[in-house]
Amino acid sequence: MSKQKSFNYKFSHDQSELNFFVNKTNFYAFNDLINNNSKFSYLYGPNKSGKSYLANIWLKKNNAIKYKKNYKEILNSKKNILIDNFLFFNEENIFHIVNNCILNNFKILITSNKKINEINFQYHDLSSRLKTFTNLEIDQPNDEMLLTILTKSLVERQFIINSKEIFEFILRRVDRSYQAIDDIVNKLDILSLEKKRQLTIPLIKEIL
């Protein structure tokens, strides 16, 4: 009886620039942030596209501090600032943090899943400030990116994968988005734990 072949994929969990997968969907944004080409940057892209991952690389690289409703600490920190998913925060506070960075020549990176002109700002002065920032975009995933994030997600959940057809089968049947890949892997993870089965096409068919 022939032994089943499993595929040994290895991915590092270290959040560094060496472990961030770069292709044409995110190259410009990655290159600009890693090389510190811009002092004031606004990074946007779809959910689950790696914005926070890239932002955390920038954070470490620039010895920055992350805004977590620590408004007074941020204003007194005299450090570069990261505001991740800024739509969750008070707009007037963000405006004053941005002004503080501009006046004191600190770097600032702001991330969002929306373009500036897609946001219905309540505090219009903030909109005006952000429009002066360098805009960096992570595009929707292409085939190469979809395959990479699917593979990485399945490996991180410790699925046993005995056929490369698994990847093609999933990618032919899900929406072409980062969020869709994340959703299907979460569902497969729950189902496989319930049934204590390795990842197979029949199992995937129960989800799709």
N, C-alpha and C. Protein backbone atom coordinates (compact mmCIF):
# COMPACT_ATOMS: atom_id res chain seq x y z
N MET A 1 0.84 -1.19 0.00
CA MET A 1 0.00 0.00 0.00
C MET A 1 0.89 1.25 0.00
N SER A 2 0.65 2.17 -0.93
CA SER A 2 1.49 3.36 -1.04
C SER A 2 1.17 4.35 0.07
N LYS A 3 2.22 4.99 0.53
CA LYS A 3 2.06 5.96 1.60
C LYS A 3 1.57 7.29 1.03
N GLN A 4 0.60 7.91 1.71
CA GLN A 4 0.10 9.20 1.26
C GLN A 4 1.18 10.26 1.39
N LYS A 5 1.22 11.14 0.40
CA LYS A 5 2.19 12.21 0.41
C LYS A 5 1.58 13.46 1.01
N SER A 6 2.25 14.06 1.97
CA SER A 6 1.80 15.34 2.49
C SER A 6 2.83 16.40 2.10
N PHE A 7 2.37 17.63 2.01
CA PHE A 7 3.23 18.71 1.54
C PHE A 7 3.69 19.54 2.73
N ASN A 8 4.99 19.71 2.82
CA ASN A 8 5.59 20.38 3.97
C ASN A 8 5.83 21.86 3.65
N TYR A 9 4.86 22.70 3.97
CA TYR A 9 4.99 24.13 3.76
C TYR A 9 5.41 24.77 5.07
N LYS A 10 6.39 25.67 5.00
CA LYS A 10 6.87 26.33 6.21
C LYS A 10 6.77 27.84 6.05
N PHE A 11 6.15 28.46 7.03
CA PHE A 11 6.05 29.92 7.06
C PHE A 11 6.47 30.39 8.44
N SER A 12 7.22 31.48 8.48
CA SER A 12 7.63 32.05 9.76
C SER A 12 6.51 32.92 10.32
N HIS A 13 6.36 32.91 11.64
CA HIS A 13 5.36 33.75 12.29
C HIS A 13 5.94 35.12 12.65
N ASP A 14 7.22 35.31 12.40
CA ASP A 14 7.87 36.57 12.73
C ASP A 14 7.36 37.67 11.81
N GLN A 15 6.86 38.76 12.41
CA GLN A 15 6.36 39.87 11.60
C GLN A 15 7.52 40.79 11.23
N SER A 16 8.21 40.42 10.16
CA SER A 16 9.31 41.23 9.66
C SER A 16 9.12 41.42 8.16
N GLU A 17 9.88 42.36 7.60
CA GLU A 17 9.75 42.63 6.17
C GLU A 17 10.15 41.43 5.32
N LEU A 18 11.01 40.56 5.86
CA LEU A 18 11.44 39.38 5.11
C LEU A 18 10.32 38.36 4.97
N ASN A 19 9.33 38.41 5.87
CA ASN A 19 8.24 37.44 5.87
C ASN A 19 6.93 38.01 5.34
N PHE A 20 6.99 39.22 4.82
CA PHE A 20 5.81 39.84 4.22
C PHE A 20 5.83 39.53 2.73
N PHE A 21 4.79 38.84 2.24
CA PHE A 21 4.78 38.44 0.82
C PHE A 21 4.47 39.65 -0.05
N VAL A 22 5.41 39.95 -0.95
CA VAL A 22 5.28 41.12 -1.81
C VAL A 22 5.08 40.69 -3.25
N ASN A 23 4.05 41.23 -3.88
CA ASN A 23 3.91 41.09 -5.33
C ASN A 23 3.30 42.40 -5.85
N LYS A 24 2.83 42.40 -7.07
CA LYS A 24 2.42 43.68 -7.67
C LYS A 24 1.18 44.28 -7.00
N THR A 25 0.45 43.50 -6.20
CA THR A 25 -0.73 44.04 -5.52
C THR A 25 -0.37 44.97 -4.37
N ASN A 26 0.85 44.82 -3.83
CA ASN A 26 1.22 45.62 -2.67
C ASN A 26 2.64 46.19 -2.75
N PHE A 27 3.28 46.03 -3.89
CA PHE A 27 4.71 46.39 -4.00
C PHE A 27 4.95 47.87 -3.69
N TYR A 28 4.16 48.75 -4.28
CA TYR A 28 4.40 50.19 -4.10
C TYR A 28 4.25 50.59 -2.63
N ALA A 29 3.19 50.10 -1.99
CA ALA A 29 2.96 50.42 -0.59
C ALA A 29 4.09 49.88 0.29
N PHE A 30 4.47 48.64 0.06
CA PHE A 30 5.55 48.01 0.83
C PHE A 30 6.85 48.78 0.64
N ASN A 31 7.20 49.06 -0.59
CA ASN A 31 8.47 49.72 -0.89
C ASN A 31 8.53 51.11 -0.27
N ASP A 32 7.44 51.85 -0.35
CA ASP A 32 7.42 53.20 0.20
C ASP A 32 7.58 53.20 1.71
N LEU A 33 6.87 52.29 2.40
CA LEU A 33 6.92 52.26 3.86
C LEU A 33 8.24 51.70 4.38
N ILE A 34 8.74 50.65 3.75
CA ILE A 34 9.98 50.03 4.22
C ILE A 34 11.17 50.97 4.03
N ASN A 35 11.14 51.74 2.93
CA ASN A 35 12.24 52.65 2.64
C ASN A 35 12.03 54.05 3.22
N ASN A 36 10.94 54.23 3.97
CA ASN A 36 10.65 55.51 4.60
C ASN A 36 10.67 56.67 3.60
N ASN A 37 10.01 56.44 2.48
CA ASN A 37 9.98 57.46 1.44
C ASN A 37 9.07 58.64 1.79
N SER A 38 8.12 58.41 2.67
CA SER A 38 7.13 59.45 3.00
C SER A 38 7.06 59.67 4.50
N LYS A 39 6.95 60.91 4.88
CA LYS A 39 6.86 61.23 6.33
C LYS A 39 5.43 61.07 6.84
N PHE A 40 4.45 61.41 5.99
CA PHE A 40 3.04 61.32 6.36
C PHE A 40 2.35 60.40 5.36
N SER A 41 1.94 59.21 5.82
CA SER A 41 1.42 58.17 4.92
C SER A 41 0.03 57.70 5.33
N TYR A 42 -0.78 57.44 4.31
CA TYR A 42 -2.13 56.91 4.52
C TYR A 42 -2.22 55.62 3.70
N LEU A 43 -2.34 54.49 4.40
CA LEU A 43 -2.36 53.17 3.77
C LEU A 43 -3.77 52.62 3.81
N TYR A 44 -4.31 52.27 2.65
CA TYR A 44 -5.65 51.70 2.61
C TYR A 44 -5.66 50.43 1.75
N GLY A 45 -6.65 49.59 2.02
CA GLY A 45 -6.79 48.34 1.29
C GLY A 45 -7.90 47.51 1.89
N PRO A 46 -8.26 46.40 1.24
CA PRO A 46 -9.37 45.57 1.72
C PRO A 46 -9.10 44.94 3.08
N ASN A 47 -10.16 44.50 3.74
CA ASN A 47 -10.02 43.74 4.98
C ASN A 47 -9.13 42.52 4.75
N LYS A 48 -8.29 42.23 5.73
CA LYS A 48 -7.42 41.05 5.74
C LYS A 48 -6.33 41.10 4.67
N SER A 49 -6.01 42.29 4.17
CA SER A 49 -5.03 42.41 3.08
C SER A 49 -3.60 42.57 3.58
N GLY A 50 -3.40 42.62 4.88
CA GLY A 50 -2.04 42.74 5.43
C GLY A 50 -1.67 44.15 5.85
N LYS A 51 -2.65 45.05 5.94
CA LYS A 51 -2.34 46.44 6.33
C LYS A 51 -1.72 46.50 7.73
N SER A 52 -2.34 45.81 8.68
CA SER A 52 -1.84 45.86 10.05
C SER A 52 -0.47 45.20 10.16
N TYR A 53 -0.27 44.14 9.42
CA TYR A 53 1.03 43.45 9.39
C TYR A 53 2.11 44.42 8.91
N LEU A 54 1.84 45.08 7.78
CA LEU A 54 2.80 46.03 7.22
C LEU A 54 2.98 47.23 8.15
N ALA A 55 1.88 47.67 8.76
CA ALA A 55 1.96 48.80 9.69
C ALA A 55 2.83 48.47 10.91
N ASN A 56 2.75 47.24 11.39
CA ASN A 56 3.57 46.84 12.54
C ASN A 56 5.05 46.75 12.17
N ILE A 57 5.34 46.38 10.93
CA ILE A 57 6.73 46.41 10.46
C ILE A 57 7.24 47.86 10.50
N TRP A 58 6.40 48.77 9.97
CA TRP A 58 6.75 50.20 9.98
C TRP A 58 6.93 50.70 11.40
N LEU A 59 6.06 50.28 12.32
CA LEU A 59 6.11 50.68 13.72
C LEU A 59 7.47 50.37 14.34
N LYS A 60 7.92 49.13 14.15
CA LYS A 60 9.21 48.72 14.72
C LYS A 60 10.37 49.44 14.05
N LYS A 61 10.26 49.57 12.75
CA LYS A 61 11.34 50.18 11.97
C LYS A 61 11.55 51.64 12.35
N ASN A 62 10.48 52.31 12.76
CA ASN A 62 10.55 53.74 13.06
C ASN A 62 10.44 54.06 14.54
N ASN A 63 10.58 53.03 15.39
CA ASN A 63 10.49 53.23 16.84
C ASN A 63 9.27 54.08 17.20
N ALA A 64 8.15 53.72 16.60
CA ALA A 64 6.92 54.51 16.75
C ALA A 64 6.08 54.00 17.91
N ILE A 65 5.06 54.76 18.25
CA ILE A 65 4.10 54.37 19.27
C ILE A 65 2.73 54.25 18.62
N LYS A 66 1.96 53.25 19.04
CA LYS A 66 0.66 52.99 18.44
C LYS A 66 -0.45 53.66 19.24
N TYR A 67 -1.34 54.31 18.52
CA TYR A 67 -2.47 54.96 19.17
C TYR A 67 -3.53 53.93 19.57
N LYS A 68 -3.83 53.90 20.88
CA LYS A 68 -4.85 52.99 21.41
C LYS A 68 -5.74 53.75 22.38
N LYS A 69 -6.23 54.88 21.94
CA LYS A 69 -7.00 55.79 22.79
C LYS A 69 -6.14 56.37 23.91
N ASN A 70 -4.82 56.31 23.76
CA ASN A 70 -3.88 56.89 24.71
C ASN A 70 -3.51 58.30 24.23
N TYR A 71 -4.50 59.13 24.14
CA TYR A 71 -4.38 60.44 23.50
C TYR A 71 -3.30 61.32 24.13
N LYS A 72 -3.32 61.49 25.43
CA LYS A 72 -2.35 62.36 26.09
C LYS A 72 -0.93 61.81 25.97
N GLU A 73 -0.81 60.50 26.10
CA GLU A 73 0.51 59.87 25.96
C GLU A 73 1.08 60.12 24.57
N ILE A 74 0.22 59.98 23.55
CA ILE A 74 0.65 60.19 22.17
C ILE A 74 1.16 61.62 21.98
N LEU A 75 0.41 62.61 22.47
CA LEU A 75 0.79 64.01 22.28
C LEU A 75 2.08 64.36 23.00
N ASN A 76 2.38 63.64 24.08
CA ASN A 76 3.58 63.95 24.87
C ASN A 76 4.75 63.02 24.56
N SER A 77 4.57 62.10 23.65
CA SER A 77 5.56 61.03 23.45
C SER A 77 6.81 61.48 22.69
N LYS A 78 6.67 62.49 21.82
CA LYS A 78 7.77 62.93 20.95
C LYS A 78 8.31 61.78 20.12
N LYS A 79 7.38 60.94 19.65
CA LYS A 79 7.75 59.79 18.82
C LYS A 79 6.91 59.77 17.55
N ASN A 80 7.36 58.97 16.60
CA ASN A 80 6.56 58.72 15.40
C ASN A 80 5.30 57.95 15.81
N ILE A 81 4.24 58.08 15.02
CA ILE A 81 2.93 57.57 15.44
C ILE A 81 2.32 56.65 14.39
N LEU A 82 1.74 55.55 14.86
CA LEU A 82 0.92 54.67 14.02
C LEU A 82 -0.52 54.72 14.52
N ILE A 83 -1.45 54.99 13.58
CA ILE A 83 -2.88 54.90 13.89
C ILE A 83 -3.47 53.85 12.95
N ASP A 84 -3.70 52.67 13.48
CA ASP A 84 -4.19 51.54 12.68
C ASP A 84 -5.72 51.51 12.74
N ASN A 85 -6.36 51.40 11.57
CA ASN A 85 -7.82 51.40 11.49
C ASN A 85 -8.41 52.65 12.15
N PHE A 86 -8.04 53.80 11.63
CA PHE A 86 -8.34 55.06 12.32
C PHE A 86 -9.84 55.37 12.41
N LEU A 87 -10.66 54.70 11.61
CA LEU A 87 -12.10 54.98 11.65
C LEU A 87 -12.75 54.56 12.96
N PHE A 88 -12.03 53.78 13.77
CA PHE A 88 -12.55 53.37 15.08
C PHE A 88 -12.37 54.46 16.14
N PHE A 89 -11.66 55.52 15.80
CA PHE A 89 -11.29 56.51 16.81
C PHE A 89 -11.97 57.86 16.57
N ASN A 90 -11.92 58.70 17.60
CA ASN A 90 -12.50 60.03 17.54
C ASN A 90 -11.76 60.88 16.50
N GLU A 91 -12.49 61.46 15.56
CA GLU A 91 -11.87 62.19 14.46
C GLU A 91 -11.14 63.45 14.92
N GLU A 92 -11.72 64.15 15.89
CA GLU A 92 -11.06 65.38 16.37
C GLU A 92 -9.73 65.05 17.03
N ASN A 93 -9.69 63.96 17.80
CA ASN A 93 -8.42 63.54 18.41
C ASN A 93 -7.38 63.18 17.36
N ILE A 94 -7.82 62.49 16.32
CA ILE A 94 -6.90 62.13 15.24
C ILE A 94 -6.35 63.39 14.58
N PHE A 95 -7.23 64.37 14.37
CA PHE A 95 -6.81 65.63 13.75
C PHE A 95 -5.69 66.29 14.57
N HIS A 96 -5.85 66.34 15.90
CA HIS A 96 -4.84 66.98 16.74
C HIS A 96 -3.54 66.17 16.77
N ILE A 97 -3.65 64.85 16.71
CA ILE A 97 -2.45 64.01 16.65
C ILE A 97 -1.70 64.26 15.34
N VAL A 98 -2.45 64.33 14.25
CA VAL A 98 -1.84 64.62 12.94
C VAL A 98 -1.15 65.98 12.96
N ASN A 99 -1.83 66.99 13.48
CA ASN A 99 -1.24 68.33 13.56
C ASN A 99 0.04 68.33 14.39
N ASN A 100 0.00 67.60 15.50
CA ASN A 100 1.17 67.51 16.37
C ASN A 100 2.37 66.91 15.63
N CYS A 101 2.11 65.89 14.83
CA CYS A 101 3.18 65.25 14.05
C CYS A 101 3.73 66.21 13.00
N ILE A 102 2.84 66.93 12.33
CA ILE A 102 3.27 67.88 11.30
C ILE A 102 4.11 69.00 11.91
N LEU A 103 3.64 69.55 13.03
CA LEU A 103 4.35 70.67 13.67
C LEU A 103 5.71 70.26 14.22
N ASN A 104 5.81 69.02 14.69
CA ASN A 104 7.06 68.56 15.32
C ASN A 104 7.90 67.68 14.41
N ASN A 105 7.46 67.54 13.16
CA ASN A 105 8.22 66.78 12.16
C ASN A 105 8.37 65.30 12.52
N PHE A 106 7.30 64.74 13.15
CA PHE A 106 7.28 63.31 13.43
C PHE A 106 6.64 62.59 12.26
N LYS A 107 7.04 61.36 12.03
CA LYS A 107 6.39 60.54 11.01
C LYS A 107 5.06 60.02 11.55
N ILE A 108 4.13 59.83 10.64
CA ILE A 108 2.85 59.24 11.04
C ILE A 108 2.32 58.36 9.92
N LEU A 109 1.85 57.19 10.30
CA LEU A 109 1.20 56.26 9.36
C LEU A 109 -0.21 56.00 9.85
N ILE A 110 -1.18 56.20 8.96
CA ILE A 110 -2.59 55.95 9.26
C ILE A 110 -3.09 54.89 8.31
N THR A 111 -3.81 53.89 8.82
CA THR A 111 -4.36 52.85 7.94
C THR A 111 -5.88 52.84 8.01
N SER A 112 -6.47 52.34 6.92
CA SER A 112 -7.93 52.23 6.83
C SER A 112 -8.28 51.27 5.71
N ASN A 113 -9.51 50.74 5.76
CA ASN A 113 -9.97 49.91 4.64
C ASN A 113 -10.72 50.74 3.60
N LYS A 114 -10.69 52.07 3.78
CA LYS A 114 -11.37 52.95 2.83
C LYS A 114 -10.43 54.04 2.31
N LYS A 115 -10.66 54.44 1.07
CA LYS A 115 -9.96 55.59 0.53
C LYS A 115 -10.50 56.85 1.21
N ILE A 116 -9.69 57.89 1.22
CA ILE A 116 -10.10 59.12 1.90
C ILE A 116 -11.40 59.67 1.33
N ASN A 117 -11.55 59.63 -0.01
CA ASN A 117 -12.76 60.20 -0.62
C ASN A 117 -13.99 59.30 -0.49
N GLU A 118 -13.83 58.13 0.13
CA GLU A 118 -14.96 57.24 0.39
C GLU A 118 -15.52 57.42 1.81
N ILE A 119 -14.84 58.23 2.62
CA ILE A 119 -15.20 58.38 4.02
C ILE A 119 -16.09 59.61 4.21
N ASN A 120 -17.15 59.44 4.97
CA ASN A 120 -18.03 60.55 5.31
C ASN A 120 -17.53 61.18 6.62
N PHE A 121 -16.61 62.12 6.49
CA PHE A 121 -15.99 62.72 7.66
C PHE A 121 -16.97 63.60 8.42
N GLN A 122 -16.95 63.50 9.75
CA GLN A 122 -17.70 64.40 10.60
C GLN A 122 -16.86 65.65 10.93
N TYR A 123 -15.55 65.44 10.93
CA TYR A 123 -14.62 66.52 11.24
C TYR A 123 -13.85 66.84 9.96
N HIS A 124 -14.30 67.86 9.24
CA HIS A 124 -13.82 68.08 7.87
C HIS A 124 -12.37 68.56 7.82
N ASP A 125 -11.89 69.16 8.89
CA ASP A 125 -10.48 69.56 8.90
C ASP A 125 -9.55 68.35 8.82
N LEU A 126 -10.01 67.22 9.38
CA LEU A 126 -9.21 65.99 9.30
C LEU A 126 -9.12 65.52 7.85
N SER A 127 -10.21 65.58 7.14
CA SER A 127 -10.21 65.21 5.73
C SER A 127 -9.20 66.04 4.94
N SER A 128 -9.18 67.33 5.20
CA SER A 128 -8.24 68.22 4.50
C SER A 128 -6.79 67.85 4.80
N ARG A 129 -6.52 67.53 6.05
CA ARG A 129 -5.15 67.14 6.42
C ARG A 129 -4.74 65.84 5.72
N LEU A 130 -5.62 64.86 5.77
CA LEU A 130 -5.28 63.55 5.21
C LEU A 130 -5.07 63.59 3.70
N LYS A 131 -5.71 64.51 3.05
CA LYS A 131 -5.56 64.63 1.59
C LYS A 131 -4.16 65.11 1.19
N THR A 132 -3.40 65.60 2.15
CA THR A 132 -2.02 66.02 1.87
C THR A 132 -1.04 64.86 2.08
N PHE A 133 -1.51 63.74 2.63
CA PHE A 133 -0.66 62.59 2.91
C PHE A 133 -0.33 61.84 1.61
N THR A 134 0.75 61.07 1.65
CA THR A 134 1.05 60.13 0.58
C THR A 134 0.07 58.97 0.69
N ASN A 135 -0.69 58.72 -0.38
CA ASN A 135 -1.67 57.64 -0.38
C ASN A 135 -1.04 56.35 -0.90
N LEU A 136 -1.13 55.30 -0.13
CA LEU A 136 -0.57 54.00 -0.49
C LEU A 136 -1.68 52.97 -0.47
N GLU A 137 -1.78 52.18 -1.53
CA GLU A 137 -2.89 51.24 -1.66
C GLU A 137 -2.41 49.80 -1.76
N ILE A 138 -3.13 48.90 -1.08
CA ILE A 138 -2.99 47.46 -1.31
C ILE A 138 -4.19 47.04 -2.16
N ASP A 139 -3.92 46.53 -3.34
CA ASP A 139 -5.00 46.17 -4.27
C ASP A 139 -5.67 44.86 -3.88
N GLN A 140 -6.78 44.57 -4.54
CA GLN A 140 -7.41 43.26 -4.41
C GLN A 140 -6.41 42.18 -4.84
N PRO A 141 -6.49 40.98 -4.26
CA PRO A 141 -5.48 39.95 -4.55
C PRO A 141 -5.57 39.40 -5.96
N ASN A 142 -4.40 39.14 -6.56
CA ASN A 142 -4.36 38.43 -7.84
C ASN A 142 -4.19 36.94 -7.56
N ASP A 143 -4.04 36.12 -8.61
CA ASP A 143 -3.97 34.67 -8.44
C ASP A 143 -2.80 34.26 -7.54
N GLU A 144 -1.66 34.89 -7.75
CA GLU A 144 -0.48 34.55 -6.95
C GLU A 144 -0.70 34.85 -5.48
N MET A 145 -1.30 36.00 -5.20
CA MET A 145 -1.55 36.38 -3.81
C MET A 145 -2.59 35.48 -3.16
N LEU A 146 -3.66 35.16 -3.89
CA LEU A 146 -4.70 34.29 -3.35
C LEU A 146 -4.13 32.93 -2.95
N LEU A 147 -3.30 32.36 -3.81
CA LEU A 147 -2.71 31.05 -3.52
C LEU A 147 -1.79 31.14 -2.31
N THR A 148 -1.02 32.20 -2.21
CA THR A 148 -0.08 32.35 -1.10
C THR A 148 -0.81 32.49 0.23
N ILE A 149 -1.81 33.35 0.29
CA ILE A 149 -2.49 33.56 1.57
C ILE A 149 -3.33 32.33 1.96
N LEU A 150 -3.88 31.64 0.96
CA LEU A 150 -4.62 30.40 1.27
C LEU A 150 -3.67 29.35 1.85
N THR A 151 -2.54 29.16 1.20
CA THR A 151 -1.56 28.18 1.67
C THR A 151 -1.08 28.52 3.07
N LYS A 152 -0.73 29.78 3.28
CA LYS A 152 -0.22 30.21 4.58
C LYS A 152 -1.29 30.02 5.67
N SER A 153 -2.53 30.37 5.36
CA SER A 153 -3.61 30.25 6.34
C SER A 153 -3.86 28.79 6.73
N LEU A 154 -3.84 27.90 5.75
CA LEU A 154 -4.07 26.48 6.03
C LEU A 154 -2.93 25.88 6.84
N VAL A 155 -1.70 26.27 6.50
CA VAL A 155 -0.53 25.75 7.21
C VAL A 155 -0.53 26.24 8.66
N GLU A 156 -0.89 27.52 8.86
CA GLU A 156 -0.92 28.06 10.22
C GLU A 156 -1.95 27.36 11.10
N ARG A 157 -3.02 26.83 10.47
CA ARG A 157 -4.03 26.07 11.23
C ARG A 157 -3.66 24.59 11.35
N GLN A 158 -2.48 24.25 10.83
CA GLN A 158 -1.93 22.89 10.94
C GLN A 158 -2.79 21.83 10.24
N PHE A 159 -3.37 22.21 9.11
CA PHE A 159 -4.07 21.23 8.29
C PHE A 159 -3.07 20.27 7.64
N ILE A 160 -3.47 19.02 7.54
CA ILE A 160 -2.70 18.04 6.77
C ILE A 160 -3.21 18.10 5.33
N ILE A 161 -2.31 18.41 4.40
CA ILE A 161 -2.69 18.60 3.00
C ILE A 161 -1.98 17.55 2.16
N ASN A 162 -2.75 16.64 1.59
CA ASN A 162 -2.17 15.54 0.85
C ASN A 162 -2.29 15.69 -0.67
N SER A 163 -2.88 16.78 -1.12
CA SER A 163 -3.04 16.98 -2.55
C SER A 163 -3.03 18.46 -2.88
N LYS A 164 -2.27 18.83 -3.90
CA LYS A 164 -2.24 20.22 -4.34
C LYS A 164 -3.57 20.64 -4.97
N GLU A 165 -4.37 19.66 -5.35
CA GLU A 165 -5.68 19.97 -5.93
C GLU A 165 -6.59 20.69 -4.94
N ILE A 166 -6.29 20.53 -3.65
CA ILE A 166 -7.07 21.19 -2.61
C ILE A 166 -7.11 22.70 -2.85
N PHE A 167 -5.94 23.28 -3.12
CA PHE A 167 -5.85 24.72 -3.30
C PHE A 167 -6.66 25.18 -4.52
N GLU A 168 -6.49 24.49 -5.62
CA GLU A 168 -7.20 24.86 -6.85
C GLU A 168 -8.71 24.72 -6.66
N PHE A 169 -9.12 23.68 -5.98
CA PHE A 169 -10.55 23.43 -5.75
C PHE A 169 -11.17 24.58 -4.96
N ILE A 170 -10.49 25.02 -3.92
CA ILE A 170 -11.01 26.12 -3.10
C ILE A 170 -11.03 27.42 -3.88
N LEU A 171 -9.94 27.73 -4.56
CA LEU A 171 -9.82 29.02 -5.24
C LEU A 171 -10.80 29.17 -6.40
N ARG A 172 -11.22 28.05 -6.98
CA ARG A 172 -12.21 28.12 -8.07
C ARG A 172 -13.60 28.44 -7.54
N ARG A 173 -13.80 28.30 -6.22
CA ARG A 173 -15.16 28.35 -5.68
C ARG A 173 -15.40 29.47 -4.66
N VAL A 174 -14.39 30.24 -4.34
CA VAL A 174 -14.60 31.33 -3.38
C VAL A 174 -14.47 32.68 -4.08
N ASP A 175 -15.03 33.70 -3.44
CA ASP A 175 -14.85 35.06 -3.95
C ASP A 175 -13.36 35.40 -3.95
N ARG A 176 -12.97 36.22 -4.90
CA ARG A 176 -11.57 36.58 -5.03
C ARG A 176 -11.25 37.76 -4.10
N SER A 177 -11.23 37.48 -2.82
CA SER A 177 -10.94 38.53 -1.86
C SER A 177 -10.19 37.95 -0.67
N TYR A 178 -9.46 38.82 0.04
CA TYR A 178 -8.76 38.40 1.25
C TYR A 178 -9.74 37.90 2.30
N GLN A 179 -10.86 38.61 2.44
CA GLN A 179 -11.85 38.26 3.45
C GLN A 179 -12.45 36.88 3.19
N ALA A 180 -12.71 36.57 1.91
CA ALA A 180 -13.30 35.27 1.56
C ALA A 180 -12.37 34.12 1.92
N ILE A 181 -11.07 34.30 1.69
CA ILE A 181 -10.11 33.27 2.05
C ILE A 181 -10.09 33.07 3.57
N ASP A 182 -10.08 34.15 4.30
CA ASP A 182 -10.08 34.06 5.76
C ASP A 182 -11.34 33.36 6.26
N ASP A 183 -12.48 33.69 5.67
CA ASP A 183 -13.76 33.09 6.10
C ASP A 183 -13.78 31.58 5.84
N ILE A 184 -13.35 31.16 4.66
CA ILE A 184 -13.42 29.73 4.33
C ILE A 184 -12.45 28.92 5.19
N VAL A 185 -11.28 29.46 5.48
CA VAL A 185 -10.33 28.75 6.33
C VAL A 185 -10.87 28.62 7.75
N ASN A 186 -11.52 29.67 8.25
CA ASN A 186 -12.13 29.59 9.58
C ASN A 186 -13.21 28.51 9.63
N LYS A 187 -14.05 28.44 8.59
CA LYS A 187 -15.11 27.43 8.54
C LYS A 187 -14.53 26.02 8.45
N LEU A 188 -13.50 25.85 7.64
CA LEU A 188 -12.87 24.54 7.51
C LEU A 188 -12.21 24.12 8.82
N ASP A 189 -11.64 25.07 9.51
CA ASP A 189 -10.99 24.78 10.78
C ASP A 189 -12.00 24.25 11.80
N ILE A 190 -13.15 24.90 11.88
CA ILE A 190 -14.20 24.47 12.81
C ILE A 190 -14.72 23.08 12.43
N LEU A 191 -15.00 22.88 11.14
CA LEU A 191 -15.56 21.60 10.70
C LEU A 191 -14.58 20.46 10.86
N SER A 192 -13.32 20.69 10.55
CA SER A 192 -12.32 19.63 10.66
C SER A 192 -12.10 19.23 12.11
N LEU A 193 -12.20 20.19 13.02
CA LEU A 193 -12.05 19.87 14.44
C LEU A 193 -13.24 19.05 14.94
N GLU A 194 -14.43 19.39 14.45
CA GLU A 194 -15.63 18.66 14.85
C GLU A 194 -15.57 17.21 14.37
N LYS A 195 -15.07 17.01 13.16
CA LYS A 195 -15.10 15.67 12.55
C LYS A 195 -13.76 14.96 12.63
N LYS A 196 -12.76 15.67 13.14
CA LYS A 196 -11.43 15.09 13.31
C LYS A 196 -10.95 14.45 12.00
N ARG A 197 -11.05 15.24 10.94
CA ARG A 197 -10.64 14.74 9.62
C ARG A 197 -9.59 15.66 9.02
N GLN A 198 -8.73 15.07 8.17
CA GLN A 198 -7.77 15.89 7.44
C GLN A 198 -8.51 16.65 6.34
N LEU A 199 -7.81 17.60 5.73
CA LEU A 199 -8.44 18.44 4.72
C LEU A 199 -8.57 17.68 3.40
N THR A 200 -9.81 17.43 2.99
CA THR A 200 -10.08 16.72 1.75
C THR A 200 -11.13 17.48 0.95
N ILE A 201 -11.25 17.15 -0.32
CA ILE A 201 -12.26 17.80 -1.17
C ILE A 201 -13.68 17.50 -0.67
N PRO A 202 -14.01 16.28 -0.28
CA PRO A 202 -15.36 16.04 0.28
C PRO A 202 -15.66 16.91 1.51
N LEU A 203 -14.65 17.14 2.35
CA LEU A 203 -14.86 18.00 3.50
C LEU A 203 -15.12 19.45 3.04
N ILE A 204 -14.36 19.90 2.07
CA ILE A 204 -14.51 21.26 1.56
C ILE A 204 -15.91 21.44 0.95
N LYS A 205 -16.40 20.41 0.29
CA LYS A 205 -17.73 20.49 -0.34
C LYS A 205 -18.84 20.71 0.68
N GLU A 206 -18.59 20.33 1.92
CA GLU A 206 -19.59 20.55 2.98
C GLU A 206 -19.71 22.02 3.35
N ILE A 207 -18.67 22.79 2.99
CA ILE A 207 -18.65 24.22 3.29
C ILE A 207 -19.09 25.04 2.10
N LEU A 208 -18.60 24.67 0.93
CA LEU A 208 -18.83 25.49 -0.27
C LEU A 208 -20.14 25.11 -0.96
